[in-house]
């Protein structure tokens, strides 16, 4: 179904965008709930990627902006 792999530029762009989004989220968490910051910082990235890539979007916001989705070995959306 999906034949073309994402370019290196799109992948790096998605990584940078997702890093920016996570940085903003962690900044807000640190300000609003400083006691939970260490716990959320440990598991937050796993939740961020897992929730978005496992959703019907099939991509994190950064990947979606760059036109990428996550697929399995058979090139089907996960």
PDB file of N, CA and C in Angstrom:
ATOM      1  N   UNK A   1       0.832  -1.190   0.000  1.00  0.00           N
ATOM      2  CA  UNK A   1       0.000   0.000   0.000  1.00  0.00           C
ATOM      3  C   UNK A   1       0.874   1.249   0.000  1.00  0.00           C
ATOM      4  N   UNK A   2       1.761   1.383   0.990  1.00  0.00           N
ATOM      5  CA  UNK A   2       2.681   2.508   1.052  1.00  0.00           C
ATOM      6  C   UNK A   2       4.030   2.020   0.555  1.00  0.00           C
ATOM      7  N   UNK A   3       4.511   2.567  -0.540  1.00  0.00           N
ATOM      8  CA  UNK A   3       5.713   2.044  -1.174  1.00  0.00           C
ATOM      9  C   UNK A   3       6.956   2.878  -0.911  1.00  0.00           C
ATOM     10  N   UNK A   4       6.813   4.163  -0.748  1.00  0.00           N
ATOM     11  CA  UNK A   4       7.972   5.037  -0.671  1.00  0.00           C
ATOM     12  C   UNK A   4       8.381   5.260   0.781  1.00  0.00           C
ATOM     13  N   UNK A   5       9.680   5.101   1.048  1.00  0.00           N
ATOM     14  CA  UNK A   5      10.196   5.394   2.376  1.00  0.00           C
ATOM     15  C   UNK A   5      10.403   6.896   2.514  1.00  0.00           C
ATOM     16  N   UNK A   6      10.322   7.366   3.742  1.00  0.00           N
ATOM     17  CA  UNK A   6      10.542   8.777   4.000  1.00  0.00           C
ATOM     18  C   UNK A   6      11.995   9.160   3.787  1.00  0.00           C
ATOM     19  N   UNK A   7      12.214  10.343   3.289  1.00  0.00           N
ATOM     20  CA  UNK A   7      13.583  10.816   3.060  1.00  0.00           C
ATOM     21  C   UNK A   7      14.262  11.103   4.396  1.00  0.00           C
ATOM     22  N   UNK A   8      15.572  11.173   4.364  1.00  0.00           N
ATOM     23  CA  UNK A   8      16.325  11.471   5.584  1.00  0.00           C
ATOM     24  C   UNK A   8      15.952  12.861   6.102  1.00  0.00           C
ATOM     25  N   UNK A   9      15.755  13.801   5.209  1.00  0.00           N
ATOM     26  CA  UNK A   9      15.372  15.158   5.619  1.00  0.00           C
ATOM     27  C   UNK A   9      14.040  15.174   6.340  1.00  0.00           C
ATOM     28  N   UNK A  10      13.065  14.417   5.822  1.00  0.00           N
ATOM     29  CA  UNK A  10      11.758  14.351   6.462  1.00  0.00           C
ATOM     30  C   UNK A  10      11.862  13.684   7.827  1.00  0.00           C
ATOM     31  N   UNK A  11      12.679  12.659   7.938  1.00  0.00           N
ATOM     32  CA  UNK A  11      12.842  11.963   9.215  1.00  0.00           C
ATOM     33  C   UNK A  11      13.510  12.849  10.255  1.00  0.00           C
ATOM     34  N   UNK A  12      14.555  13.570   9.840  1.00  0.00           N
ATOM     35  CA  UNK A  12      15.244  14.470  10.771  1.00  0.00           C
ATOM     36  C   UNK A  12      14.306  15.615  11.162  1.00  0.00           C
ATOM     37  N   UNK A  13      13.572  16.144  10.200  1.00  0.00           N
ATOM     38  CA  UNK A  13      12.608  17.207  10.496  1.00  0.00           C
ATOM     39  C   UNK A  13      11.558  16.754  11.490  1.00  0.00           C
ATOM     40  N   UNK A  14      11.046  15.539  11.312  1.00  0.00           N
ATOM     41  CA  UNK A  14      10.054  14.996  12.235  1.00  0.00           C
ATOM     42  C   UNK A  14      10.649  14.822  13.628  1.00  0.00           C
ATOM     43  N   UNK A  15      11.879  14.349  13.695  1.00  0.00           N
ATOM     44  CA  UNK A  15      12.554  14.176  14.986  1.00  0.00           C
ATOM     45  C   UNK A  15      12.711  15.520  15.699  1.00  0.00           C
ATOM     46  N   UNK A  16      13.115  16.539  14.959  1.00  0.00           N
ATOM     47  CA  UNK A  16      13.283  17.864  15.552  1.00  0.00           C
ATOM     48  C   UNK A  16      11.947  18.448  16.005  1.00  0.00           C
ATOM     49  N   UNK A  17      10.911  18.301  15.198  1.00  0.00           N
ATOM     50  CA  UNK A  17       9.593  18.804  15.586  1.00  0.00           C
ATOM     51  C   UNK A  17       9.062  18.081  16.821  1.00  0.00           C
ATOM     52  N   UNK A  18       9.180  16.749  16.837  1.00  0.00           N
ATOM     53  CA  UNK A  18       8.717  16.000  18.007  1.00  0.00           C
ATOM     54  C   UNK A  18       9.527  16.366  19.249  1.00  0.00           C
ATOM     55  N   UNK A  19      10.830  16.597  19.076  1.00  0.00           N
ATOM     56  CA  UNK A  19      11.651  17.045  20.200  1.00  0.00           C
ATOM     57  C   UNK A  19      11.183  18.390  20.729  1.00  0.00           C
ATOM     58  N   UNK A  20      10.836  19.294  19.828  1.00  0.00           N
ATOM     59  CA  UNK A  20      10.319  20.603  20.229  1.00  0.00           C
ATOM     60  C   UNK A  20       8.999  20.454  20.975  1.00  0.00           C
ATOM     61  N   UNK A  21       8.100  19.627  20.442  1.00  0.00           N
ATOM     62  CA  UNK A  21       6.812  19.414  21.102  1.00  0.00           C
ATOM     63  C   UNK A  21       7.002  18.814  22.497  1.00  0.00           C
ATOM     64  N   UNK A  22       7.889  17.817  22.608  1.00  0.00           N
ATOM     65  CA  UNK A  22       8.150  17.214  23.910  1.00  0.00           C
ATOM     66  C   UNK A  22       8.786  18.216  24.860  1.00  0.00           C
ATOM     67  N   UNK A  23       9.676  19.052  24.378  1.00  0.00           N
ATOM     68  CA  UNK A  23      10.318  20.065  25.208  1.00  0.00           C
ATOM     69  C   UNK A  23       9.275  21.037  25.764  1.00  0.00           C
ATOM     70  N   UNK A  24       8.329  21.446  24.927  1.00  0.00           N
ATOM     71  CA  UNK A  24       7.256  22.344  25.371  1.00  0.00           C
ATOM     72  C   UNK A  24       6.382  21.649  26.409  1.00  0.00           C
ATOM     73  N   UNK A  25       6.009  20.403  26.143  1.00  0.00           N
ATOM     74  CA  UNK A  25       5.172  19.658  27.084  1.00  0.00           C
ATOM     75  C   UNK A  25       5.880  19.511  28.420  1.00  0.00           C
ATOM     76  N   UNK A  26       7.156  19.115  28.407  1.00  0.00           N
ATOM     77  CA  UNK A  26       7.894  18.921  29.666  1.00  0.00           C
ATOM     78  C   UNK A  26       8.081  20.228  30.400  1.00  0.00           C
ATOM     79  N   UNK A  27       8.236  21.328  29.680  1.00  0.00           N
ATOM     80  CA  UNK A  27       8.337  22.634  30.331  1.00  0.00           C
ATOM     81  C   UNK A  27       7.064  22.978  31.079  1.00  0.00           C
ATOM     82  N   UNK A  28       5.925  22.720  30.459  1.00  0.00           N
ATOM     83  CA  UNK A  28       4.645  22.980  31.118  1.00  0.00           C
ATOM     84  C   UNK A  28       4.441  22.065  32.320  1.00  0.00           C
ATOM     85  N   UNK A  29       4.802  20.794  32.164  1.00  0.00           N
ATOM     86  CA  UNK A  29       4.663  19.850  33.279  1.00  0.00           C
ATOM     87  C   UNK A  29       5.554  20.273  34.437  1.00  0.00           C
ATOM     88  N   UNK A  30       6.774  20.681  34.135  1.00  0.00           N
ATOM     89  CA  UNK A  30       7.703  21.089  35.183  1.00  0.00           C
ATOM     90  C   UNK A  30       7.174  22.302  35.944  1.00  0.00           C
ATOM     91  N   UNK A  31       6.547  23.220  35.231  1.00  0.00           N
ATOM     92  CA  UNK A  31       5.990  24.414  35.871  1.00  0.00           C
ATOM     93  C   UNK A  31       4.743  24.065  36.679  1.00  0.00           C
ATOM     94  N   UNK A  32       3.852  23.262  36.101  1.00  0.00           N
ATOM     95  CA  UNK A  32       2.564  22.988  36.737  1.00  0.00           C
ATOM     96  C   UNK A  32       2.619  21.894  37.787  1.00  0.00           C
ATOM     97  N   UNK A  33       3.397  20.853  37.555  1.00  0.00           N
ATOM     98  CA  UNK A  33       3.433  19.699  38.460  1.00  0.00           C
ATOM     99  C   UNK A  33       4.888  19.273  38.662  1.00  0.00           C
ATOM    100  N   UNK A  34       5.683  20.043  39.375  1.00  0.00           N
ATOM    101  CA  UNK A  34       7.110  19.724  39.488  1.00  0.00           C
ATOM    102  C   UNK A  34       7.398  18.392  40.182  1.00  0.00           C
ATOM    103  N   UNK A  35       6.530  17.945  41.075  1.00  0.00           N
ATOM    104  CA  UNK A  35       6.774  16.690  41.786  1.00  0.00           C
ATOM    105  C   UNK A  35       6.663  15.475  40.873  1.00  0.00           C
ATOM    106  N   UNK A  36       5.867  15.554  39.836  1.00  0.00           N
ATOM    107  CA  UNK A  36       5.688  14.434  38.925  1.00  0.00           C
ATOM    108  C   UNK A  36       6.654  14.474  37.742  1.00  0.00           C
ATOM    109  N   UNK A  37       7.474  15.509  37.659  1.00  0.00           N
ATOM    110  CA  UNK A  37       8.314  15.696  36.476  1.00  0.00           C
ATOM    111  C   UNK A  37       9.254  14.520  36.227  1.00  0.00           C
ATOM    112  N   UNK A  38       9.930  14.034  37.258  1.00  0.00           N
ATOM    113  CA  UNK A  38      10.898  12.946  37.069  1.00  0.00           C
ATOM    114  C   UNK A  38      10.212  11.694  36.537  1.00  0.00           C
ATOM    115  N   UNK A  39       9.068  11.364  37.090  1.00  0.00           N
ATOM    116  CA  UNK A  39       8.330  10.182  36.633  1.00  0.00           C
ATOM    117  C   UNK A  39       7.848  10.355  35.204  1.00  0.00           C
ATOM    118  N   UNK A  40       7.270  11.499  34.916  1.00  0.00           N
ATOM    119  CA  UNK A  40       6.766  11.735  33.563  1.00  0.00           C
ATOM    120  C   UNK A  40       7.888  11.852  32.543  1.00  0.00           C
ATOM    121  N   UNK A  41       9.003  12.422  32.931  1.00  0.00           N
ATOM    122  CA  UNK A  41      10.127  12.532  32.005  1.00  0.00           C
ATOM    123  C   UNK A  41      10.664  11.157  31.645  1.00  0.00           C
ATOM    124  N   UNK A  42      10.595  10.225  32.586  1.00  0.00           N
ATOM    125  CA  UNK A  42      11.083   8.876  32.331  1.00  0.00           C
ATOM    126  C   UNK A  42      10.191   8.126  31.351  1.00  0.00           C
ATOM    127  N   UNK A  43       8.903   8.203  31.555  1.00  0.00           N
ATOM    128  CA  UNK A  43       7.969   7.428  30.748  1.00  0.00           C
ATOM    129  C   UNK A  43       7.233   8.252  29.693  1.00  0.00           C
ATOM    130  N   UNK A  44       7.403   9.545  29.728  1.00  0.00           N
ATOM    131  CA  UNK A  44       6.646  10.421  28.840  1.00  0.00           C
ATOM    132  C   UNK A  44       6.914  10.212  27.364  1.00  0.00           C
ATOM    133  N   UNK A  45       8.166  10.033  26.997  1.00  0.00           N
ATOM    134  CA  UNK A  45       8.478   9.837  25.575  1.00  0.00           C
ATOM    135  C   UNK A  45       7.881   8.531  25.069  1.00  0.00           C
ATOM    136  N   UNK A  46       7.922   7.493  25.906  1.00  0.00           N
ATOM    137  CA  UNK A  46       7.301   6.222  25.506  1.00  0.00           C
ATOM    138  C   UNK A  46       5.802   6.415  25.289  1.00  0.00           C
ATOM    139  N   UNK A  47       5.167   7.150  26.183  1.00  0.00           N
ATOM    140  CA  UNK A  47       3.742   7.415  26.033  1.00  0.00           C
ATOM    141  C   UNK A  47       3.463   8.261  24.798  1.00  0.00           C
ATOM    142  N   UNK A  48       4.261   9.300  24.598  1.00  0.00           N
ATOM    143  CA  UNK A  48       4.073  10.204  23.460  1.00  0.00           C
ATOM    144  C   UNK A  48       4.107   9.426  22.143  1.00  0.00           C
ATOM    145  N   UNK A  49       5.193   8.675  21.941  1.00  0.00           N
ATOM    146  CA  UNK A  49       5.333   7.930  20.688  1.00  0.00           C
ATOM    147  C   UNK A  49       4.319   6.792  20.598  1.00  0.00           C
ATOM    148  N   UNK A  50       4.116   6.078  21.675  1.00  0.00           N
ATOM    149  CA  UNK A  50       3.191   4.942  21.665  1.00  0.00           C
ATOM    150  C   UNK A  50       1.760   5.345  21.395  1.00  0.00           C
ATOM    151  N   UNK A  51       1.317   6.387  22.058  1.00  0.00           N
ATOM    152  CA  UNK A  51      -0.074   6.828  21.882  1.00  0.00           C
ATOM    153  C   UNK A  51      -0.300   7.355  20.469  1.00  0.00           C
ATOM    154  N   UNK A  52       0.581   8.224  19.998  1.00  0.00           N
ATOM    155  CA  UNK A  52       0.367   8.800  18.672  1.00  0.00           C
ATOM    156  C   UNK A  52       0.567   7.792  17.546  1.00  0.00           C
ATOM    157  N   UNK A  53       1.632   6.992  17.615  1.00  0.00           N
ATOM    158  CA  UNK A  53       1.881   6.040  16.529  1.00  0.00           C
ATOM    159  C   UNK A  53       0.882   4.892  16.542  1.00  0.00           C
ATOM    160  N   UNK A  54       0.304   4.580  17.677  1.00  0.00           N
ATOM    161  CA  UNK A  54      -0.698   3.530  17.771  1.00  0.00           C
ATOM    162  C   UNK A  54      -2.111   4.019  17.503  1.00  0.00           C
ATOM    163  N   UNK A  55      -2.275   5.326  17.349  1.00  0.00           N
ATOM    164  CA  UNK A  55      -3.592   5.887  17.109  1.00  0.00           C
ATOM    165  C   UNK A  55      -3.958   5.795  15.628  1.00  0.00           C
ATOM    166  N   UNK A  56      -5.106   6.309  15.292  1.00  0.00           N
ATOM    167  CA  UNK A  56      -5.538   6.302  13.893  1.00  0.00           C
ATOM    168  C   UNK A  56      -4.702   7.253  13.039  1.00  0.00           C
ATOM    169  N   UNK A  57      -3.918   8.145  13.668  1.00  0.00           N
ATOM    170  CA  UNK A  57      -3.024   9.028  12.918  1.00  0.00           C
ATOM    171  C   UNK A  57      -1.834   8.261  12.356  1.00  0.00           C
ATOM    172  N   UNK A  58      -1.411   7.176  13.033  1.00  0.00           N
ATOM    173  CA  UNK A  58      -0.261   6.358  12.628  1.00  0.00           C
ATOM    174  C   UNK A  58       1.038   7.144  12.619  1.00  0.00           C
ATOM    175  N   UNK A  59       1.088   8.265  13.337  1.00  0.00           N
ATOM    176  CA  UNK A  59       2.292   9.094  13.351  1.00  0.00           C
ATOM    177  C   UNK A  59       2.229  10.067  14.521  1.00  0.00           C
ATOM    178  N   UNK A  60       3.396  10.491  14.958  1.00  0.00           N
ATOM    179  CA  UNK A  60       3.460  11.572  15.928  1.00  0.00           C
ATOM    180  C   UNK A  60       3.137  12.873  15.198  1.00  0.00           C
ATOM    181  N   UNK A  61       2.853  13.945  15.928  1.00  0.00           N
ATOM    182  CA  UNK A  61       2.584  15.219  15.230  1.00  0.00           C
ATOM    183  C   UNK A  61       3.732  15.655  14.317  1.00  0.00           C
ATOM    184  N   UNK A  62       4.968  15.468  14.759  1.00  0.00           N
ATOM    185  CA  UNK A  62       6.107  15.837  13.913  1.00  0.00           C
ATOM    186  C   UNK A  62       6.165  15.023  12.635  1.00  0.00           C
ATOM    187  N   UNK A  63       5.918  13.728  12.739  1.00  0.00           N
ATOM    188  CA  UNK A  63       5.911  12.874  11.544  1.00  0.00           C
ATOM    189  C   UNK A  63       4.765  13.251  10.622  1.00  0.00           C
ATOM    190  N   UNK A  64       3.619  13.560  11.196  1.00  0.00           N
ATOM    191  CA  UNK A  64       2.453  13.922  10.385  1.00  0.00           C
ATOM    192  C   UNK A  64       2.715  15.207   9.607  1.00  0.00           C
ATOM    193  N   UNK A  65       3.322  16.186  10.277  1.00  0.00           N
ATOM    194  CA  UNK A  65       3.644  17.451   9.614  1.00  0.00           C
ATOM    195  C   UNK A  65       4.605  17.214   8.448  1.00  0.00           C
ATOM    196  N   UNK A  66       5.529  16.278   8.620  1.00  0.00           N
ATOM    197  CA  UNK A  66       6.518  15.974   7.574  1.00  0.00           C
ATOM    198  C   UNK A  66       6.005  14.960   6.560  1.00  0.00           C
ATOM    199  N   UNK A  67       4.752  14.532   6.688  1.00  0.00           N
ATOM    200  CA  UNK A  67       4.163  13.621   5.718  1.00  0.00           C
ATOM    201  C   UNK A  67       4.565  12.173   5.891  1.00  0.00           C
ATOM    202  N   UNK A  68       4.944  11.769   7.096  1.00  0.00           N
ATOM    203  CA  UNK A  68       5.361  10.393   7.362  1.00  0.00           C
ATOM    204  C   UNK A  68       4.310   9.666   8.197  1.00  0.00           C
ATOM    205  N   UNK A  69       4.240   8.349   8.037  1.00  0.00           N
ATOM    206  CA  UNK A  69       3.442   7.511   8.926  1.00  0.00           C
ATOM    207  C   UNK A  69       4.271   6.280   9.273  1.00  0.00           C
ATOM    208  N   UNK A  70       3.894   5.602  10.334  1.00  0.00           N
ATOM    209  CA  UNK A  70       4.588   4.398  10.773  1.00  0.00           C
ATOM    210  C   UNK A  70       3.866   3.189  10.187  1.00  0.00           C
ATOM    211  N   UNK A  71       4.624   2.292   9.549  1.00  0.00           N
ATOM    212  CA  UNK A  71       4.047   1.090   8.950  1.00  0.00           C
ATOM    213  C   UNK A  71       4.802  -0.134   9.458  1.00  0.00           C
ATOM    214  N   UNK A  72       4.190  -1.306   9.287  1.00  0.00           N
ATOM    215  CA  UNK A  72       4.845  -2.556   9.686  1.00  0.00           C
ATOM    216  C   UNK A  72       5.669  -3.108   8.515  1.00  0.00           C
ATOM    217  N   UNK A  73       6.169  -4.333   8.673  1.00  0.00           N
ATOM    218  CA  UNK A  73       7.014  -4.949   7.637  1.00  0.00           C
ATOM    219  C   UNK A  73       6.288  -5.124   6.316  1.00  0.00           C
ATOM    220  N   UNK A  74       4.974  -5.318   6.382  1.00  0.00           N
ATOM    221  CA  UNK A  74       4.170  -5.480   5.172  1.00  0.00           C
ATOM    222  C   UNK A  74       3.734  -4.127   4.592  1.00  0.00           C
ATOM    223  N   UNK A  75       4.285  -3.047   5.163  1.00  0.00           N
ATOM    224  CA  UNK A  75       3.977  -1.691   4.744  1.00  0.00           C
ATOM    225  C   UNK A  75       2.518  -1.310   4.928  1.00  0.00           C
ATOM    226  N   UNK A  76       1.926  -1.859   5.973  1.00  0.00           N
ATOM    227  CA  UNK A  76       0.559  -1.514   6.357  1.00  0.00           C
ATOM    228  C   UNK A  76       0.639  -0.653   7.623  1.00  0.00           C
ATOM    229  N   UNK A  77      -0.221   0.368   7.757  1.00  0.00           N
ATOM    230  CA  UNK A  77      -0.198   1.177   8.977  1.00  0.00           C
ATOM    231  C   UNK A  77      -0.417   0.307  10.212  1.00  0.00           C
ATOM    232  N   UNK A  78       0.304   0.631  11.280  1.00  0.00           N
ATOM    233  CA  UNK A  78       0.150  -0.163  12.503  1.00  0.00           C
ATOM    234  C   UNK A  78      -1.103   0.234  13.230  1.00  0.00           C
TER     235      UNK A  78
END
